[in-house]
C-alpha atoms as a PDB file:
ATOM      1  CA  UNK A   1     -16.313 -12.993   4.368  1.00  0.00           C
ATOM      2  CA  UNK A   2     -18.705 -11.386   1.862  1.00  0.00           C
ATOM      3  CA  UNK A   3     -17.337  -9.726  -1.259  1.00  0.00           C
ATOM      4  CA  UNK A   4     -15.701  -6.445  -0.272  1.00  0.00           C
ATOM      5  CA  UNK A   5     -17.330  -3.160  -1.121  1.00  0.00           C
ATOM      6  CA  UNK A   6     -14.813  -0.530  -2.168  1.00  0.00           C
ATOM      7  CA  UNK A   7     -15.091   3.202  -1.768  1.00  0.00           C
ATOM      8  CA  UNK A   8     -12.817   6.194  -2.209  1.00  0.00           C
ATOM      9  CA  UNK A   9     -11.543   7.746   1.026  1.00  0.00           C
ATOM     10  CA  UNK A  10     -12.233  11.335   1.989  1.00  0.00           C
ATOM     11  CA  UNK A  11     -10.403  13.704   4.317  1.00  0.00           C
ATOM     12  CA  UNK A  12     -12.774  12.576   7.103  1.00  0.00           C
ATOM     13  CA  UNK A  13     -11.119   9.114   6.905  1.00  0.00           C
ATOM     14  CA  UNK A  14      -7.602  10.366   7.660  1.00  0.00           C
ATOM     15  CA  UNK A  15      -7.503   9.495  11.402  1.00  0.00           C
ATOM     16  CA  UNK A  16      -8.851   5.984  10.737  1.00  0.00           C
ATOM     17  CA  UNK A  17      -6.457   5.514   7.797  1.00  0.00           C
ATOM     18  CA  UNK A  18      -3.446   6.524   9.891  1.00  0.00           C
ATOM     19  CA  UNK A  19      -4.540   4.102  12.638  1.00  0.00           C
ATOM     20  CA  UNK A  20      -5.071   1.236  10.157  1.00  0.00           C
ATOM     21  CA  UNK A  21      -1.764   1.709   8.348  1.00  0.00           C
ATOM     22  CA  UNK A  22       0.119   2.007  11.638  1.00  0.00           C
ATOM     23  CA  UNK A  23      -1.531  -1.135  13.023  1.00  0.00           C
ATOM     24  CA  UNK A  24      -0.513  -3.126   9.935  1.00  0.00           C
ATOM     25  CA  UNK A  25       3.155  -2.093   9.920  1.00  0.00           C
ATOM     26  CA  UNK A  26       4.360  -0.755  13.261  1.00  0.00           C
ATOM     27  CA  UNK A  27       4.438  -1.820  16.877  1.00  0.00           C
ATOM     28  CA  UNK A  28       3.160  -4.930  18.584  1.00  0.00           C
ATOM     29  CA  UNK A  29      -0.268  -4.844  16.916  1.00  0.00           C
ATOM     30  CA  UNK A  30       1.417  -5.341  13.533  1.00  0.00           C
ATOM     31  CA  UNK A  31       2.926  -8.643  14.693  1.00  0.00           C
ATOM     32  CA  UNK A  32      -0.551 -10.228  14.516  1.00  0.00           C
ATOM     33  CA  UNK A  33      -0.211 -10.123  10.718  1.00  0.00           C
ATOM     34  CA  UNK A  34       2.641 -10.936   8.389  1.00  0.00           C
ATOM     35  CA  UNK A  35       3.220  -7.454   6.915  1.00  0.00           C
ATOM     36  CA  UNK A  36       4.925  -6.011   9.987  1.00  0.00           C
ATOM     37  CA  UNK A  37       7.939  -3.741   9.617  1.00  0.00           C
ATOM     38  CA  UNK A  38       8.356  -3.552  13.411  1.00  0.00           C
ATOM     39  CA  UNK A  39      11.836  -5.114  13.246  1.00  0.00           C
ATOM     40  CA  UNK A  40      12.943  -2.553  10.647  1.00  0.00           C
ATOM     41  CA  UNK A  41      11.259   0.702  11.688  1.00  0.00           C
ATOM     42  CA  UNK A  42       9.585   2.454  14.620  1.00  0.00           C
ATOM     43  CA  UNK A  43       7.308   5.460  14.631  1.00  0.00           C
ATOM     44  CA  UNK A  44       5.046   6.777  11.914  1.00  0.00           C
ATOM     45  CA  UNK A  45       4.275   4.819   8.750  1.00  0.00           C
ATOM     46  CA  UNK A  46       2.243   7.589   7.163  1.00  0.00           C
ATOM     47  CA  UNK A  47       2.072  11.333   7.514  1.00  0.00           C
ATOM     48  CA  UNK A  48      -1.491  12.722   7.816  1.00  0.00           C
ATOM     49  CA  UNK A  49      -0.692  15.795   5.706  1.00  0.00           C
ATOM     50  CA  UNK A  50       0.843  13.735   2.890  1.00  0.00           C
ATOM     51  CA  UNK A  51      -2.232  11.519   3.056  1.00  0.00           C
ATOM     52  CA  UNK A  52      -4.496  14.589   2.857  1.00  0.00           C
ATOM     53  CA  UNK A  53      -2.614  15.683  -0.281  1.00  0.00           C
ATOM     54  CA  UNK A  54      -2.982  12.214  -1.851  1.00  0.00           C
ATOM     55  CA  UNK A  55      -6.733  12.229  -1.178  1.00  0.00           C
ATOM     56  CA  UNK A  56      -7.148  15.698  -2.710  1.00  0.00           C
ATOM     57  CA  UNK A  57      -4.824  15.206  -5.701  1.00  0.00           C
ATOM     58  CA  UNK A  58      -6.195  14.701  -9.207  1.00  0.00           C
ATOM     59  CA  UNK A  59      -5.405  11.224 -10.645  1.00  0.00           C
ATOM     60  CA  UNK A  60      -5.007   9.806  -7.145  1.00  0.00           C
ATOM     61  CA  UNK A  61      -7.380   7.659  -5.101  1.00  0.00           C
ATOM     62  CA  UNK A  62      -7.167   6.116  -1.668  1.00  0.00           C
ATOM     63  CA  UNK A  63      -9.353   3.023  -1.913  1.00  0.00           C
ATOM     64  CA  UNK A  64     -10.821   1.564   1.289  1.00  0.00           C
ATOM     65  CA  UNK A  65     -12.847  -1.418   2.410  1.00  0.00           C
ATOM     66  CA  UNK A  66     -15.187  -0.728   5.321  1.00  0.00           C
ATOM     67  CA  UNK A  67     -16.194  -3.226   7.965  1.00  0.00           C
ATOM     68  CA  UNK A  68     -18.924  -3.132  10.555  1.00  0.00           C
ATOM     69  CA  UNK A  69     -19.653   0.157  12.307  1.00  0.00           C
ATOM     70  CA  UNK A  70     -17.563   2.058   9.758  1.00  0.00           C
ATOM     71  CA  UNK A  71     -14.287   0.421  10.853  1.00  0.00           C
ATOM     72  CA  UNK A  72     -11.711   0.406   8.047  1.00  0.00           C
ATOM     73  CA  UNK A  73     -10.531  -3.090   7.144  1.00  0.00           C
ATOM     74  CA  UNK A  74      -8.080  -2.264   4.367  1.00  0.00           C
ATOM     75  CA  UNK A  75      -6.749   0.601   2.273  1.00  0.00           C
ATOM     76  CA  UNK A  76      -4.395   1.347  -0.590  1.00  0.00           C
ATOM     77  CA  UNK A  77      -3.314   4.370  -2.583  1.00  0.00           C
ATOM     78  CA  UNK A  78      -3.354   4.242  -6.374  1.00  0.00           C
ATOM     79  CA  UNK A  79      -2.224   7.150  -8.524  1.00  0.00           C
ATOM     80  CA  UNK A  80      -0.914   8.039 -11.944  1.00  0.00           C
ATOM     81  CA  UNK A  81       2.848   8.486 -11.851  1.00  0.00           C
ATOM     82  CA  UNK A  82       5.173   8.691 -14.851  1.00  0.00           C
ATOM     83  CA  UNK A  83       2.616   7.152 -17.225  1.00  0.00           C
ATOM     84  CA  UNK A  84       1.841   4.117 -15.051  1.00  0.00           C
ATOM     85  CA  UNK A  85      -0.214   3.352 -12.009  1.00  0.00           C
ATOM     86  CA  UNK A  86       1.546   3.694  -8.679  1.00  0.00           C
ATOM     87  CA  UNK A  87       0.425   1.458  -5.818  1.00  0.00           C
ATOM     88  CA  UNK A  88       1.242   2.217  -2.206  1.00  0.00           C
ATOM     89  CA  UNK A  89       0.001   2.647   1.362  1.00  0.00           C
ATOM     90  CA  UNK A  90      -1.361  -0.895   1.189  1.00  0.00           C
ATOM     91  CA  UNK A  91      -2.662  -2.016   4.567  1.00  0.00           C
ATOM     92  CA  UNK A  92      -4.996  -4.748   5.772  1.00  0.00           C
ATOM     93  CA  UNK A  93      -6.102  -5.070   9.384  1.00  0.00           C
ATOM     94  CA  UNK A  94      -3.602  -7.581  10.853  1.00  0.00           C
ATOM     95  CA  UNK A  95      -6.450  -9.805  12.124  1.00  0.00           C
ATOM     96  CA  UNK A  96      -7.747 -10.160   8.543  1.00  0.00           C
ATOM     97  CA  UNK A  97      -4.474 -10.813   6.726  1.00  0.00           C
ATOM     98  CA  UNK A  98      -4.255 -14.046   4.773  1.00  0.00           C
ATOM     99  CA  UNK A  99      -8.003 -14.155   4.004  1.00  0.00           C
ATOM    100  CA  UNK A 100      -8.065 -12.625   0.508  1.00  0.00           C
ATOM    101  CA  UNK A 101      -8.834  -9.036   1.515  1.00  0.00           C
ATOM    102  CA  UNK A 102      -5.483  -7.807   0.217  1.00  0.00           C
ATOM    103  CA  UNK A 103      -5.850  -9.740  -3.038  1.00  0.00           C
ATOM    104  CA  UNK A 104      -9.233  -8.131  -3.646  1.00  0.00           C
ATOM    105  CA  UNK A 105      -7.950  -4.632  -2.870  1.00  0.00           C
ATOM    106  CA  UNK A 106      -4.864  -5.001  -5.082  1.00  0.00           C
ATOM    107  CA  UNK A 107      -7.081  -6.268  -7.921  1.00  0.00           C
ATOM    108  CA  UNK A 108      -9.404  -3.266  -7.508  1.00  0.00           C
ATOM    109  CA  UNK A 109      -6.488  -0.825  -7.651  1.00  0.00           C
ATOM    110  CA  UNK A 110      -5.151  -2.566 -10.755  1.00  0.00           C
ATOM    111  CA  UNK A 111      -8.629  -2.332 -12.290  1.00  0.00           C
ATOM    112  CA  UNK A 112      -8.710   1.431 -11.645  1.00  0.00           C
ATOM    113  CA  UNK A 113      -5.301   1.881 -13.279  1.00  0.00           C
ATOM    114  CA  UNK A 114      -6.110  -0.375 -16.238  1.00  0.00           C
ATOM    115  CA  UNK A 115      -9.808   0.336 -16.945  1.00  0.00           C
ATOM    116  CA  UNK A 116     -10.464   3.800 -15.532  1.00  0.00           C
ATOM    117  CA  UNK A 117      -7.150   5.455 -16.320  1.00  0.00           C
ATOM    118  CA  UNK A 118      -6.139   3.193 -19.286  1.00  0.00           C
ATOM    119  CA  UNK A 119      -2.571   2.771 -18.028  1.00  0.00           C
ATOM    120  CA  UNK A 120      -0.204   0.065 -19.297  1.00  0.00           C
ATOM    121  CA  UNK A 121       1.002  -1.138 -15.900  1.00  0.00           C
ATOM    122  CA  UNK A 122       1.518  -0.630 -12.198  1.00  0.00           C
ATOM    123  CA  UNK A 123       4.631   0.096 -10.161  1.00  0.00           C
ATOM    124  CA  UNK A 124       5.378   0.220  -6.479  1.00  0.00           C
ATOM    125  CA  UNK A 125       8.327   0.478  -4.146  1.00  0.00           C
ATOM    126  CA  UNK A 126       8.982  -2.092  -1.415  1.00  0.00           C
ATOM    127  CA  UNK A 127      11.789  -2.227   1.138  1.00  0.00           C
ATOM    128  CA  UNK A 128      14.060  -4.743  -0.570  1.00  0.00           C
ATOM    129  CA  UNK A 129      14.680  -6.686   2.661  1.00  0.00           C
ATOM    130  CA  UNK A 130      10.993  -7.679   2.723  1.00  0.00           C
ATOM    131  CA  UNK A 131      11.477 -10.961   0.837  1.00  0.00           C
ATOM    132  CA  UNK A 132       8.142 -12.543   1.842  1.00  0.00           C
ATOM    133  CA  UNK A 133       6.230  -9.432   0.768  1.00  0.00           C
ATOM    134  CA  UNK A 134       8.101  -9.248  -2.532  1.00  0.00           C
ATOM    135  CA  UNK A 135       7.324 -12.945  -3.085  1.00  0.00           C
ATOM    136  CA  UNK A 136       3.619 -12.229  -2.417  1.00  0.00           C
ATOM    137  CA  UNK A 137       3.644  -9.540  -5.113  1.00  0.00           C
ATOM    138  CA  UNK A 138       5.601 -11.813  -7.485  1.00  0.00           C
ATOM    139  CA  UNK A 139       2.823 -14.424  -7.204  1.00  0.00           C
ATOM    140  CA  UNK A 140       0.464 -11.682  -8.404  1.00  0.00           C
ATOM    141  CA  UNK A 141       2.516 -10.864 -11.492  1.00  0.00           C
ATOM    142  CA  UNK A 142       4.928  -8.189 -10.208  1.00  0.00           C
ATOM    143  CA  UNK A 143       8.608  -8.446 -11.028  1.00  0.00           C
ATOM    144  CA  UNK A 144      11.677  -7.056  -9.381  1.00  0.00           C
ATOM    145  CA  UNK A 145      13.228  -4.411 -11.611  1.00  0.00           C
ATOM    146  CA  UNK A 146      16.603  -4.057  -9.917  1.00  0.00           C
ATOM    147  CA  UNK A 147      15.917  -0.318  -9.685  1.00  0.00           C
ATOM    148  CA  UNK A 148      16.547   0.922  -6.158  1.00  0.00           C
ATOM    149  CA  UNK A 149      15.581   4.146  -4.411  1.00  0.00           C
ATOM    150  CA  UNK A 150      17.049   5.457  -1.170  1.00  0.00           C
ATOM    151  CA  UNK A 151      15.127   5.218   2.092  1.00  0.00           C
ATOM    152  CA  UNK A 152      14.316   8.717   3.437  1.00  0.00           C
ATOM    153  CA  UNK A 153      16.596   8.535   6.480  1.00  0.00           C
ATOM    154  CA  UNK A 154      16.106  11.533   8.733  1.00  0.00           C
ATOM    155  CA  UNK A 155      12.514  12.179   7.653  1.00  0.00           C
ATOM    156  CA  UNK A 156      10.516  11.009  10.678  1.00  0.00           C
ATOM    157  CA  UNK A 157       7.274  11.198   8.685  1.00  0.00           C
ATOM    158  CA  UNK A 158       8.254   7.747   7.365  1.00  0.00           C
ATOM    159  CA  UNK A 159       9.492   6.214  10.616  1.00  0.00           C
ATOM    160  CA  UNK A 160      12.641   5.794  12.621  1.00  0.00           C
ATOM    161  CA  UNK A 161      14.879   3.156  11.039  1.00  0.00           C
ATOM    162  CA  UNK A 162      16.347   0.422  13.227  1.00  0.00           C
ATOM    163  CA  UNK A 163      18.889  -0.480  10.521  1.00  0.00           C
ATOM    164  CA  UNK A 164      21.209   1.465   8.258  1.00  0.00           C
ATOM    165  CA  UNK A 165      20.744  -0.713   5.148  1.00  0.00           C
ATOM    166  CA  UNK A 166      17.161   0.129   4.170  1.00  0.00           C
ATOM    167  CA  UNK A 167      16.324   0.963   0.566  1.00  0.00           C
ATOM    168  CA  UNK A 168      13.383   0.524  -1.758  1.00  0.00           C
ATOM    169  CA  UNK A 169      13.189  -1.617  -4.873  1.00  0.00           C
ATOM    170  CA  UNK A 170      10.761  -0.831  -7.672  1.00  0.00           C
ATOM    171  CA  UNK A 171       8.383  -3.668  -8.563  1.00  0.00           C
ATOM    172  CA  UNK A 172       6.560  -3.581 -11.892  1.00  0.00           C
ATOM    173  CA  UNK A 173       3.594  -5.306 -13.513  1.00  0.00           C
ATOM    174  CA  UNK A 174       2.523  -4.838 -17.131  1.00  0.00           C
ATOM    175  CA  UNK A 175      -1.155  -5.248 -17.953  1.00  0.00           C
ATOM    176  CA  UNK A 176      -2.062  -7.341 -20.942  1.00  0.00           C
ATOM    177  CA  UNK A 177      -3.298  -5.433 -23.948  1.00  0.00           C
ATOM    178  CA  UNK A 178      -6.675  -6.486 -25.241  1.00  0.00           C
ATOM    179  CA  UNK A 179      -6.487  -7.800 -28.825  1.00  0.00           C
END
């Protein structure tokens, strides 16, 4: 696969972004990759109106990688939150997972936070039951903080839980300061 070309999403990308994120996390299509949450949640993974707000917001970028014929291959949201970068909405087409696309996209989002916004680190929240995903982030320098946040039960914009023990854990990575 050639080196990915990154671009910033626009409101015109919202339908394709919703489809990509859903395919990576929900339903049978998500089982083709390893990031599926299909055993934990049904329904929506992302709300189009929240996505529209993230695209329009200052100090917020939805970064995408395009494939052939304008098909989105991967996306992630990076924003400034509480003095650090915040990383979320990370999705790679299930057929492309495990080929370095996600590594490249995460590195680009970290670059934006570190070099463009001059932030000291990046944080994210991950469902704490997702041990293999947390291990993937740990191999890329993120650490578990032990800080937990409640799952938004009852808010169908984030899916319909299949379990009653879902919660998020904050993961953190500090960027090295240049001497």
